Protein backbone atom coordinates (compact mmCIF):
# COMPACT_ATOMS: atom_id res chain seq x y z
CA MET A 1 33.64 -28.33 72.84
CA SER A 2 35.91 -29.28 70.04
CA GLU A 3 34.39 -32.75 70.13
CA LEU A 4 31.21 -31.11 68.56
CA THR A 5 33.25 -30.19 65.48
CA PHE A 6 33.82 -33.95 64.75
CA LEU A 7 30.05 -34.61 64.57
CA SER A 8 28.78 -35.50 61.05
CA ALA A 9 27.13 -32.53 59.10
CA SER A 10 23.78 -34.00 59.37
CA ALA A 11 24.16 -34.44 63.14
CA MET A 12 25.09 -30.85 63.43
CA ALA A 13 22.18 -29.65 61.27
CA GLU A 14 19.82 -31.89 63.62
CA ARG A 15 21.21 -30.15 66.70
CA VAL A 16 20.59 -26.89 65.14
CA ARG A 17 17.07 -27.84 64.24
CA ASP A 18 16.34 -29.17 67.71
CA LYS A 19 17.79 -25.93 69.24
CA LYS A 20 20.33 -27.93 71.28
CA ILE A 21 23.10 -25.60 69.70
CA SER A 22 22.92 -22.39 67.92
CA PRO A 23 24.53 -21.69 64.58
CA VAL A 24 26.61 -19.01 66.13
CA GLU A 25 27.83 -21.29 68.84
CA LEU A 26 28.51 -23.94 66.24
CA LEU A 27 30.54 -21.50 64.01
CA ASN A 28 32.49 -20.28 66.83
CA MET A 29 33.54 -23.69 67.82
CA HIS A 30 34.84 -24.08 64.33
CA LEU A 31 36.74 -20.71 64.27
CA ALA A 32 38.25 -21.71 67.56
CA GLN A 33 39.49 -25.27 66.05
CA ILE A 34 40.87 -23.37 63.03
CA ASP A 35 42.68 -20.80 65.39
CA ARG A 36 44.21 -23.91 67.22
CA LEU A 37 45.12 -26.23 64.24
CA ASN A 38 45.42 -24.19 61.12
CA PRO A 39 48.94 -22.85 61.94
CA LYS A 40 50.09 -26.30 62.00
CA LEU A 41 48.24 -27.70 59.07
CA ASN A 42 47.94 -24.75 56.69
CA ALA A 43 44.75 -25.88 55.29
CA PHE A 44 42.70 -22.58 55.04
CA VAL A 45 44.37 -19.58 53.01
CA GLU A 46 41.38 -17.27 53.88
CA ILE A 47 38.82 -17.07 56.61
CA ASN A 48 36.18 -14.25 56.59
CA ALA A 49 35.14 -14.57 60.31
CA ASN A 50 32.95 -11.56 60.24
CA ARG A 51 30.91 -12.59 57.26
CA ALA A 52 30.55 -16.29 58.64
CA ARG A 53 29.58 -14.83 62.00
CA GLN A 54 26.79 -12.56 60.18
CA ALA A 55 25.65 -15.63 58.21
CA ALA A 56 25.40 -17.48 61.40
CA ARG A 57 23.36 -14.87 63.05
CA ASP A 58 21.04 -14.68 60.22
CA ALA A 59 20.55 -18.46 60.39
CA GLU A 60 19.69 -18.10 64.00
CA GLN A 61 17.33 -15.46 63.52
CA SER A 62 15.52 -17.51 60.89
CA MET A 63 15.17 -20.22 63.32
CA MET A 64 13.67 -17.90 65.91
CA ARG A 65 11.24 -16.69 63.26
CA GLY A 66 10.07 -20.40 62.94
CA GLU A 67 11.23 -20.71 59.37
CA ILE A 68 11.70 -24.24 58.25
CA ALA A 69 15.26 -25.38 58.36
CA CYS A 70 17.33 -26.23 55.52
CA PRO A 71 19.30 -29.52 55.17
CA LEU A 72 22.58 -27.81 56.26
CA HIS A 73 21.18 -25.04 58.25
CA GLY A 74 24.09 -23.57 60.20
CA VAL A 75 26.56 -26.17 59.35
CA PRO A 76 29.97 -24.61 58.56
CA VAL A 77 31.68 -25.81 55.40
CA SER A 78 34.83 -24.90 53.32
CA ILE A 79 35.45 -24.37 49.71
CA LYS A 80 38.57 -25.17 47.60
CA SER A 81 40.30 -22.00 46.71
CA SER A 82 39.86 -22.61 42.97
CA ILE A 83 36.06 -22.35 43.16
CA SER A 84 34.52 -18.87 43.22
CA VAL A 85 32.99 -17.59 46.44
CA ALA A 86 31.93 -13.98 46.41
CA GLY A 87 34.19 -11.78 48.32
CA LEU A 88 36.92 -14.43 48.80
CA ARG A 89 40.14 -14.76 46.90
CA CYS A 90 40.04 -17.46 44.28
CA GLU A 91 43.71 -17.83 43.38
CA ALA A 92 44.09 -21.64 42.65
CA GLY A 93 47.57 -21.52 44.43
CA SER A 94 49.25 -19.15 41.75
CA ARG A 95 50.91 -15.95 41.94
CA LEU A 96 49.41 -15.20 38.49
CA ARG A 97 46.15 -14.85 40.20
CA ALA A 98 47.55 -13.30 43.65
CA GLY A 99 44.70 -11.27 45.22
CA PHE A 100 42.09 -12.34 42.83
CA VAL A 101 38.69 -11.88 44.59
CA ALA A 102 35.65 -13.50 43.08
CA ARG A 103 32.79 -11.27 42.51
CA GLU A 104 29.89 -13.83 42.58
CA ASP A 105 29.24 -17.42 43.97
CA ALA A 106 29.76 -20.41 41.73
CA PRO A 107 26.44 -22.16 41.31
CA LEU A 108 27.35 -24.96 43.82
CA VAL A 109 28.40 -22.54 46.31
CA GLN A 110 25.08 -20.65 45.97
CA ARG A 111 23.28 -24.00 46.27
CA LEU A 112 25.17 -24.81 49.45
CA LYS A 113 24.18 -21.43 51.01
CA ASN A 114 20.75 -21.77 49.89
CA ALA A 115 20.72 -25.18 51.75
CA GLY A 116 21.58 -23.27 54.93
CA ALA A 117 25.53 -24.09 54.90
CA ILE A 118 27.75 -21.32 56.11
CA VAL A 119 30.97 -20.72 54.19
CA LEU A 120 34.13 -20.62 56.66
CA GLY A 121 36.60 -19.87 53.93
CA THR A 122 38.74 -21.42 51.14
CA THR A 123 41.37 -23.83 51.30
CA ASN A 124 45.02 -24.45 49.83
CA ALA A 125 45.73 -26.13 46.64
CA PRO A 126 48.88 -26.57 44.65
CA GLU A 127 49.53 -24.02 41.67
CA LEU A 128 46.60 -24.30 39.16
CA LEU A 129 45.77 -27.61 40.76
CA MET A 130 48.54 -29.58 38.72
CA ALA A 131 50.00 -31.88 41.58
CA TRP A 132 49.12 -34.55 43.97
CA GLU A 133 50.92 -32.58 46.88
CA THR A 134 49.46 -29.35 48.08
CA ASP A 135 52.23 -26.57 48.13
CA ASN A 136 52.57 -23.18 46.40
CA LEU A 137 54.55 -19.98 46.44
CA LEU A 138 51.60 -18.02 47.83
CA TYR A 139 50.92 -20.01 50.92
CA GLY A 140 53.32 -22.87 51.28
CA PRO A 141 52.47 -26.54 51.88
CA THR A 142 49.45 -28.25 53.62
CA ASN A 143 50.44 -30.82 56.05
CA ASN A 144 48.46 -33.96 56.80
CA PRO A 145 46.74 -34.26 60.17
CA TRP A 146 47.76 -37.81 60.59
CA ASP A 147 51.56 -37.02 60.15
CA LEU A 148 52.72 -33.34 59.62
CA SER A 149 55.61 -34.51 57.77
CA SER A 150 53.46 -36.08 55.09
CA THR A 151 51.37 -34.21 52.59
CA ALA A 152 47.58 -33.94 52.62
CA GLY A 153 47.45 -34.64 48.98
CA GLY A 154 46.44 -32.75 46.01
CA SER A 155 45.04 -30.97 44.45
CA SER A 156 42.15 -30.73 47.15
CA GLY A 157 44.58 -31.21 49.92
CA GLY A 158 43.54 -28.13 52.07
CA GLU A 159 40.05 -29.26 51.69
CA ALA A 160 40.86 -32.80 53.01
CA ALA A 161 43.10 -31.45 55.85
CA ALA A 162 40.45 -29.00 57.09
CA ILE A 163 37.63 -31.58 57.21
CA SER A 164 39.83 -34.48 58.60
CA SER A 165 40.83 -32.30 61.66
CA GLY A 166 37.45 -30.96 62.52
CA MET A 167 37.92 -27.46 61.06
CA SER A 168 35.21 -27.83 58.60
CA ALA A 169 32.17 -30.16 58.63
CA GLY A 170 32.49 -30.93 54.90
CA GLY A 171 33.22 -28.97 51.57
CA VAL A 172 34.12 -29.06 48.05
CA GLY A 173 36.91 -30.21 46.04
CA SER A 174 37.83 -30.79 42.35
CA ASP A 175 39.22 -33.73 40.53
CA GLY A 176 40.86 -34.05 37.12
CA GLY A 177 43.05 -36.96 38.02
CA GLY A 178 42.33 -37.98 41.60
CA SER A 179 42.35 -34.56 43.16
CA ILE A 180 39.37 -35.29 45.49
CA ARG A 181 39.81 -38.99 46.00
CA VAL A 182 43.64 -39.01 46.61
CA PRO A 183 43.40 -36.48 49.48
CA ALA A 184 40.46 -38.08 50.87
CA HIS A 185 42.47 -41.44 51.02
CA PHE A 186 45.52 -39.69 52.45
CA CYS A 187 43.55 -37.84 55.18
CA GLY A 188 41.05 -40.64 56.16
CA ILE A 189 37.83 -38.93 54.88
CA CYS A 190 35.39 -39.57 52.27
CA GLY A 191 35.12 -38.07 48.85
CA LEU A 192 33.02 -38.27 45.66
CA LYS A 193 34.05 -37.70 41.99
CA PRO A 194 30.83 -37.21 40.23
CA THR A 195 30.12 -37.86 36.60
CA PRO A 196 31.29 -34.80 34.63
CA GLY A 197 28.27 -32.18 34.51
CA ARG A 198 26.37 -33.94 37.37
CA ILE A 199 27.41 -31.02 39.56
CA PRO A 200 28.18 -27.85 37.78
CA SER A 201 31.79 -26.81 37.38
CA THR A 202 30.79 -23.15 36.53
CA GLY A 203 32.88 -20.85 38.61
CA HIS A 204 35.87 -23.16 38.79
CA PHE A 205 39.32 -22.04 37.75
CA PRO A 206 41.04 -23.48 35.47
CA VAL A 207 37.97 -23.21 33.57
CA SER A 208 36.46 -26.76 32.65
CA ALA A 209 36.39 -26.59 28.92
CA GLY A 210 37.94 -28.61 26.06
CA PRO A 211 39.88 -31.74 27.36
CA PHE A 212 39.43 -30.63 30.99
CA ALA A 213 35.43 -30.80 30.55
CA LEU A 214 35.75 -34.58 29.68
CA ILE A 215 37.93 -35.40 32.76
CA GLY A 216 37.53 -32.71 35.23
CA VAL A 217 34.67 -32.31 37.87
CA VAL A 218 33.76 -30.68 41.27
CA GLY A 219 32.50 -32.74 44.09
CA PRO A 220 31.71 -33.12 47.81
CA MET A 221 34.22 -34.19 50.60
CA ALA A 222 33.11 -35.11 54.14
CA ARG A 223 33.97 -37.27 57.14
CA SER A 224 30.88 -39.75 56.37
CA VAL A 225 29.18 -40.94 53.17
CA ALA A 226 25.84 -39.86 54.73
CA ASP A 227 27.17 -36.36 54.56
CA LEU A 228 28.40 -36.92 50.99
CA LYS A 229 24.85 -37.82 50.08
CA ILE A 230 23.35 -34.61 51.60
CA LEU A 231 26.04 -32.51 49.88
CA PHE A 232 25.84 -34.32 46.46
CA GLU A 233 22.10 -33.73 46.48
CA VAL A 234 22.18 -30.11 47.40
CA MET A 235 24.97 -29.29 44.69
CA GLN A 236 23.64 -31.59 41.90
CA GLY A 237 21.62 -30.52 38.93
CA PRO A 238 22.09 -28.91 35.62
CA ASP A 239 23.49 -25.46 34.94
CA ALA A 240 23.26 -23.73 31.64
CA SER A 241 27.05 -22.75 31.64
CA ASP A 242 28.39 -26.20 32.38
CA THR A 243 28.51 -27.75 28.78
CA CYS A 244 28.39 -31.27 30.34
CA SER A 245 25.39 -30.77 32.60
CA ALA A 246 22.18 -32.85 32.24
CA PRO A 247 18.79 -32.98 34.22
CA VAL A 248 19.38 -36.30 35.89
CA PRO A 249 16.73 -36.97 38.80
CA VAL A 250 17.91 -38.19 42.11
CA ARG A 251 16.20 -41.37 43.45
CA TRP A 252 17.90 -43.23 46.30
CA PRO A 253 17.71 -46.94 45.80
CA ASN A 254 16.45 -49.30 48.72
CA PRO A 255 19.02 -51.78 50.45
CA ASP A 256 17.43 -54.64 48.33
CA GLU A 257 17.95 -52.83 45.05
CA ILE A 258 21.61 -51.99 46.11
CA ARG A 259 22.35 -55.72 47.00
CA GLU A 260 21.30 -56.81 43.44
CA LEU A 261 24.42 -54.90 42.10
CA ARG A 262 27.30 -57.26 41.22
CA VAL A 263 30.59 -56.14 42.62
CA ALA A 264 33.95 -56.84 40.83
CA PHE A 265 37.24 -56.10 42.75
CA PHE A 266 40.83 -56.00 41.83
CA GLU A 267 43.84 -55.24 43.86
CA GLU A 268 46.33 -54.32 41.51
CA ASP A 269 46.10 -53.10 37.67
CA GLY A 270 48.80 -55.29 36.30
CA HIS A 271 51.12 -52.26 35.70
CA THR A 272 51.61 -50.35 39.06
CA PRO A 273 52.12 -52.40 42.31
CA VAL A 274 50.38 -51.17 45.43
CA THR A 275 51.33 -51.56 49.04
CA PRO A 276 50.42 -54.67 51.04
CA GLU A 277 48.16 -52.82 53.22
CA THR A 278 46.61 -51.32 50.08
CA ARG A 279 45.97 -54.78 48.82
CA ALA A 280 44.40 -55.82 52.26
CA ALA A 281 42.22 -52.70 52.22
CA VAL A 282 40.57 -53.84 49.00
CA ARG A 283 40.33 -57.43 50.15
CA THR A 284 38.76 -56.27 53.42
CA ALA A 285 36.18 -54.30 51.69
CA ALA A 286 35.32 -56.87 49.24
CA LYS A 287 34.66 -59.34 52.20
CA MET A 288 32.59 -56.79 53.99
CA LEU A 289 30.25 -56.35 50.98
CA SER A 290 30.10 -60.12 50.47
CA ASP A 291 29.21 -60.54 54.15
CA MET A 292 26.48 -58.17 53.60
CA GLY A 293 25.00 -60.25 50.89
CA PHE A 294 26.58 -58.52 47.72
CA GLU A 295 27.56 -60.84 44.93
CA VAL A 296 31.33 -60.25 44.70
CA GLU A 297 34.01 -61.63 42.64
CA SER A 298 37.64 -60.97 41.62
CA PHE A 299 37.77 -59.38 38.11
CA ARG A 300 40.10 -56.74 36.54
CA PRO A 301 38.52 -55.03 33.55
CA PRO A 302 40.43 -54.79 30.37
CA GLY A 303 41.77 -51.54 28.88
CA LEU A 304 43.16 -49.96 32.02
CA GLU A 305 46.66 -49.50 30.43
CA GLU A 306 45.05 -47.85 27.51
CA ALA A 307 43.12 -45.55 29.87
CA ARG A 308 46.19 -44.62 31.53
CA ASP A 309 48.09 -43.55 28.37
CA LEU A 310 44.94 -41.73 27.13
CA TRP A 311 44.57 -39.81 30.44
CA ARG A 312 48.22 -38.54 30.18
CA LYS A 313 47.32 -37.06 26.79
CA TYR A 314 44.40 -35.25 28.11
CA PHE A 315 45.59 -34.11 31.28
CA VAL A 316 49.33 -34.00 31.14
CA VAL A 317 50.06 -33.05 27.56
CA ALA A 318 47.04 -31.06 26.74
CA GLY A 319 47.23 -29.36 30.20
CA GLY A 320 50.75 -28.32 29.81
CA MET A 321 50.06 -27.00 26.37
CA LEU A 322 47.05 -24.88 27.95
CA LEU A 323 48.79 -23.67 30.86
CA ARG A 324 52.49 -23.09 29.73
CA PRO A 325 51.65 -19.75 27.85
CA LEU A 326 50.12 -18.44 30.84
CA PHE A 327 53.65 -18.02 32.34
CA LYS A 328 55.23 -16.51 29.25
CA GLY A 329 57.29 -13.42 30.67
CA ARG A 330 56.55 -14.50 34.28
CA GLU A 331 58.53 -17.71 34.74
CA SER A 332 60.12 -16.51 37.95
CA GLU A 333 56.69 -16.57 39.25
CA MET A 334 56.12 -20.21 38.64
CA SER A 335 56.18 -22.69 41.62
CA PRO A 336 58.60 -25.70 41.64
CA ILE A 337 55.38 -27.89 41.66
CA MET A 338 54.27 -26.31 38.42
CA ASN A 339 57.64 -26.52 36.95
CA ASP A 340 57.84 -30.17 37.71
CA PHE A 341 54.63 -30.58 35.91
CA LEU A 342 55.43 -28.71 32.88
CA GLN A 343 58.46 -30.67 32.66
CA LEU A 344 56.60 -34.04 32.65
CA ALA A 345 54.28 -32.39 29.96
CA ASP A 346 57.42 -31.46 27.89
CA ALA A 347 58.61 -35.08 28.03
CA GLU A 348 55.63 -36.37 26.32
CA PRO A 349 54.97 -36.02 22.43
CA LYS A 350 53.16 -32.80 21.65
CA LEU A 351 49.58 -33.13 20.62
CA THR A 352 48.81 -32.14 16.98
CA ALA A 353 45.10 -31.59 15.65
CA THR A 354 45.44 -35.12 14.28
CA THR A 355 46.79 -36.80 17.49
CA MET A 356 44.26 -35.02 19.70
CA LEU A 357 41.42 -36.01 17.38
CA ASP A 358 42.76 -39.72 17.43
CA ALA A 359 42.86 -39.55 21.21
CA TRP A 360 39.48 -38.31 21.35
CA VAL A 361 38.09 -41.00 19.24
CA GLN A 362 40.19 -43.86 20.99
CA ARG A 363 38.98 -42.47 24.36
CA ASP A 364 35.20 -42.90 23.09
CA LEU A 365 35.69 -46.34 21.82
CA LEU A 366 37.58 -47.40 25.05
CA ARG A 367 34.72 -45.94 27.08
CA ALA A 368 32.06 -47.78 25.14
CA ARG A 369 33.68 -51.11 25.76
CA PHE A 370 34.26 -50.24 29.37
CA MET A 371 30.59 -49.29 30.03
CA ALA A 372 29.48 -52.56 28.06
CA GLU A 373 31.63 -54.39 30.59
CA MET A 374 29.96 -52.71 33.42
CA GLN A 375 26.42 -53.99 32.69
CA GLN A 376 27.81 -57.17 34.19
CA HIS A 377 29.79 -55.58 36.99
CA PRO A 378 27.93 -52.20 37.77
CA ILE A 379 30.42 -51.76 40.81
CA LEU A 380 33.92 -51.96 40.87
CA LEU A 381 36.24 -51.85 43.95
CA CYS A 382 39.73 -51.01 43.70
CA PRO A 383 42.78 -49.05 45.32
CA VAL A 384 42.58 -45.27 45.35
CA ALA A 385 46.47 -44.95 44.74
CA ALA A 386 49.51 -47.18 45.13
CA ILE A 387 50.53 -45.77 48.40
CA PRO A 388 49.32 -43.87 51.54
CA ALA A 389 50.17 -40.35 52.08
CA PHE A 390 53.78 -39.59 51.26
CA SER A 391 56.42 -37.34 52.88
CA HIS A 392 56.64 -33.88 51.41
CA GLY A 393 58.80 -33.62 48.24
CA GLU A 394 58.90 -37.42 47.58
CA ARG A 395 58.38 -38.35 43.78
CA SER A 396 59.06 -42.08 43.43
CA TRP A 397 58.71 -45.20 45.90
CA LEU A 398 60.03 -48.65 46.13
CA ILE A 399 57.19 -51.16 46.69
CA GLU A 400 58.20 -54.79 47.05
CA GLY A 401 61.19 -54.28 45.21
CA ARG A 402 59.52 -52.35 42.15
CA ARG A 403 59.92 -48.50 41.59
CA VAL A 404 56.78 -46.70 41.29
CA GLU A 405 56.95 -43.22 39.73
CA TYR A 406 55.07 -40.11 40.37
CA LEU A 407 52.34 -40.21 37.86
CA ASP A 408 51.79 -44.04 37.96
CA ALA A 409 51.12 -43.81 41.77
CA TRP A 410 47.65 -42.12 41.00
CA SER A 411 46.65 -44.11 38.06
CA TYR A 412 43.92 -46.00 39.93
CA ALA A 413 42.22 -42.64 40.16
CA GLU A 414 43.26 -41.29 36.64
CA PHE A 415 41.46 -44.35 34.98
CA PHE A 416 37.97 -43.01 35.92
CA ASN A 417 38.61 -39.42 35.05
CA LEU A 418 39.35 -40.55 31.39
CA LEU A 419 36.33 -42.81 31.30
CA GLY A 420 34.00 -40.49 33.03
CA ASN A 421 32.84 -42.66 35.89
CA PRO A 422 31.64 -41.61 39.29
CA ALA A 423 33.73 -42.91 42.05
CA ALA A 424 33.89 -42.50 45.77
CA VAL A 425 36.62 -43.13 48.55
CA VAL A 426 35.77 -44.64 51.85
CA PRO A 427 38.70 -45.15 54.61
CA ILE A 428 39.18 -48.80 55.50
CA ASN A 429 42.35 -49.38 57.43
CA ARG A 430 45.77 -47.96 58.16
CA SER A 431 49.33 -48.43 56.94
CA SER A 432 52.07 -49.68 59.49
CA GLN A 433 53.01 -45.98 59.88
CA GLY A 434 49.39 -45.51 61.02
CA LEU A 435 48.31 -43.53 57.94
CA PRO A 436 44.80 -43.92 56.43
CA ILE A 437 44.27 -46.13 53.55
CA GLY A 438 40.83 -45.98 51.67
CA VAL A 439 39.27 -47.89 48.79
CA GLN A 440 37.71 -46.71 45.68
CA ILE A 441 34.00 -47.58 44.80
CA VAL A 442 33.44 -46.90 40.95
CA GLY A 443 29.88 -46.91 39.24
CA ARG A 444 28.39 -46.26 35.84
CA PRO A 445 28.09 -42.62 34.59
CA TRP A 446 25.18 -40.76 36.24
CA ARG A 447 24.72 -43.67 38.62
CA GLU A 448 26.10 -41.43 41.68
CA VAL A 449 23.20 -42.69 43.78
CA GLU A 450 24.28 -46.17 43.49
CA VAL A 451 28.02 -45.43 44.34
CA LEU A 452 27.04 -43.57 47.39
CA SER A 453 24.66 -46.29 48.49
CA VAL A 454 27.27 -49.03 48.35
CA ALA A 455 29.85 -46.85 49.87
CA GLU A 456 27.55 -46.06 52.72
CA ALA A 457 26.90 -49.69 53.06
CA LEU A 458 30.60 -50.33 53.27
CA GLN A 459 31.27 -47.54 55.62
CA SER A 460 28.59 -48.92 57.95
CA GLN A 461 30.78 -52.13 58.43
CA CYS A 462 34.14 -50.03 59.14
CA GLY A 463 33.30 -48.89 62.54
CA ALA A 464 33.08 -45.28 64.06
CA TRP A 465 35.33 -42.62 62.16
CA LYS A 466 38.77 -41.96 63.55
CA LYS A 467 40.03 -38.78 64.57
CA PRO A 468 43.60 -38.01 63.51
CA PRO A 469 46.33 -37.66 66.11
CA LEU A 470 46.73 -34.00 65.78
CA ALA A 471 43.09 -33.32 66.70
């Protein structure tokens, strides 16, 4: 029966609509999978089985009354523990928020529930989301279902592990520097970082404001791009409390329109080397799209090094300045991962009003140049990260004789937080150790439909989704 928990979310909803399976049966299968695998993975930090069963019974009753099924009717989903779900803890992996229970649903959670989804529970994250490895003093580390000695990534690592292992059909993460895309890449699933404001970040902690509002987003994670499209369409739309939101209509392009988009790809950024298998994944993806009729050419856009430096000012330096005061007098409650992050922040020059204003201006000027370049290349194909999933606690790596440091390894994702582009991840191949390797499909702001359409075309050429060994 656990095989059914690896169906796509759309296939689950279809079986519910066709009355081939009931929402209660489907939920119980997922709860059984959680009982079996979560002790090994530590992906979920809270499950409210009674509430989920009641929601499943309500979904079943509505079907019996002949009510029209919603697009996610009866589908079990999970939510990162930094996003408010009424009645569940929203601790963001920090002892500073231990026991904090959300009083109301974030808008995106309410939209998922309105679409028929059933929330299983919340998933693990590093303290205040400031790491690419999921570990904290409240719940400990999350393991990768492809290799328990490796991390599931961060900061949406619990979410990625839950979805990859069939404990959840799909869900929601957040991303300020690769936190959706890197865990998706590590765990062999798909993820979307939308344009800031496309999906409201209202109800997320830390609050998406100031510098974080320009780079941080919430977005869907799933085992297929088709499911990302459903989740995106359900969650997207303006919200009055999200200062970046805008009313952008959703219109899915047809295949001919998609193939008119010129694709540029680059295997390395000229600064941070990537593993040979990562380069091979990008080349494979580029060839697949070329074979499908896309115009594909090798091209590395200028300005990536400047984007890397500016991202550090927004995320690392400004983030450290905003978060360090929270621990005043409570330093003993800080996790090692948070301490590592604040040390990285302290090593950088402090921002002043003048330097922050200068960084803001330089970001906008760089972004304008980058978007002008994307008129010629509306889709970019590149690595997600320099490496596949790493062993718990690692902080640097040797790639073909060159040392890659912790922050640099994820710069391929960080570029597009700074620039505000939507970007999706699709698994392509595996490393020599059998770990998943994804590629990143990047588009123009507010053009998520283009990104997801190209990603779906690419995934159609990759074969069936592979279950991790643990499952």
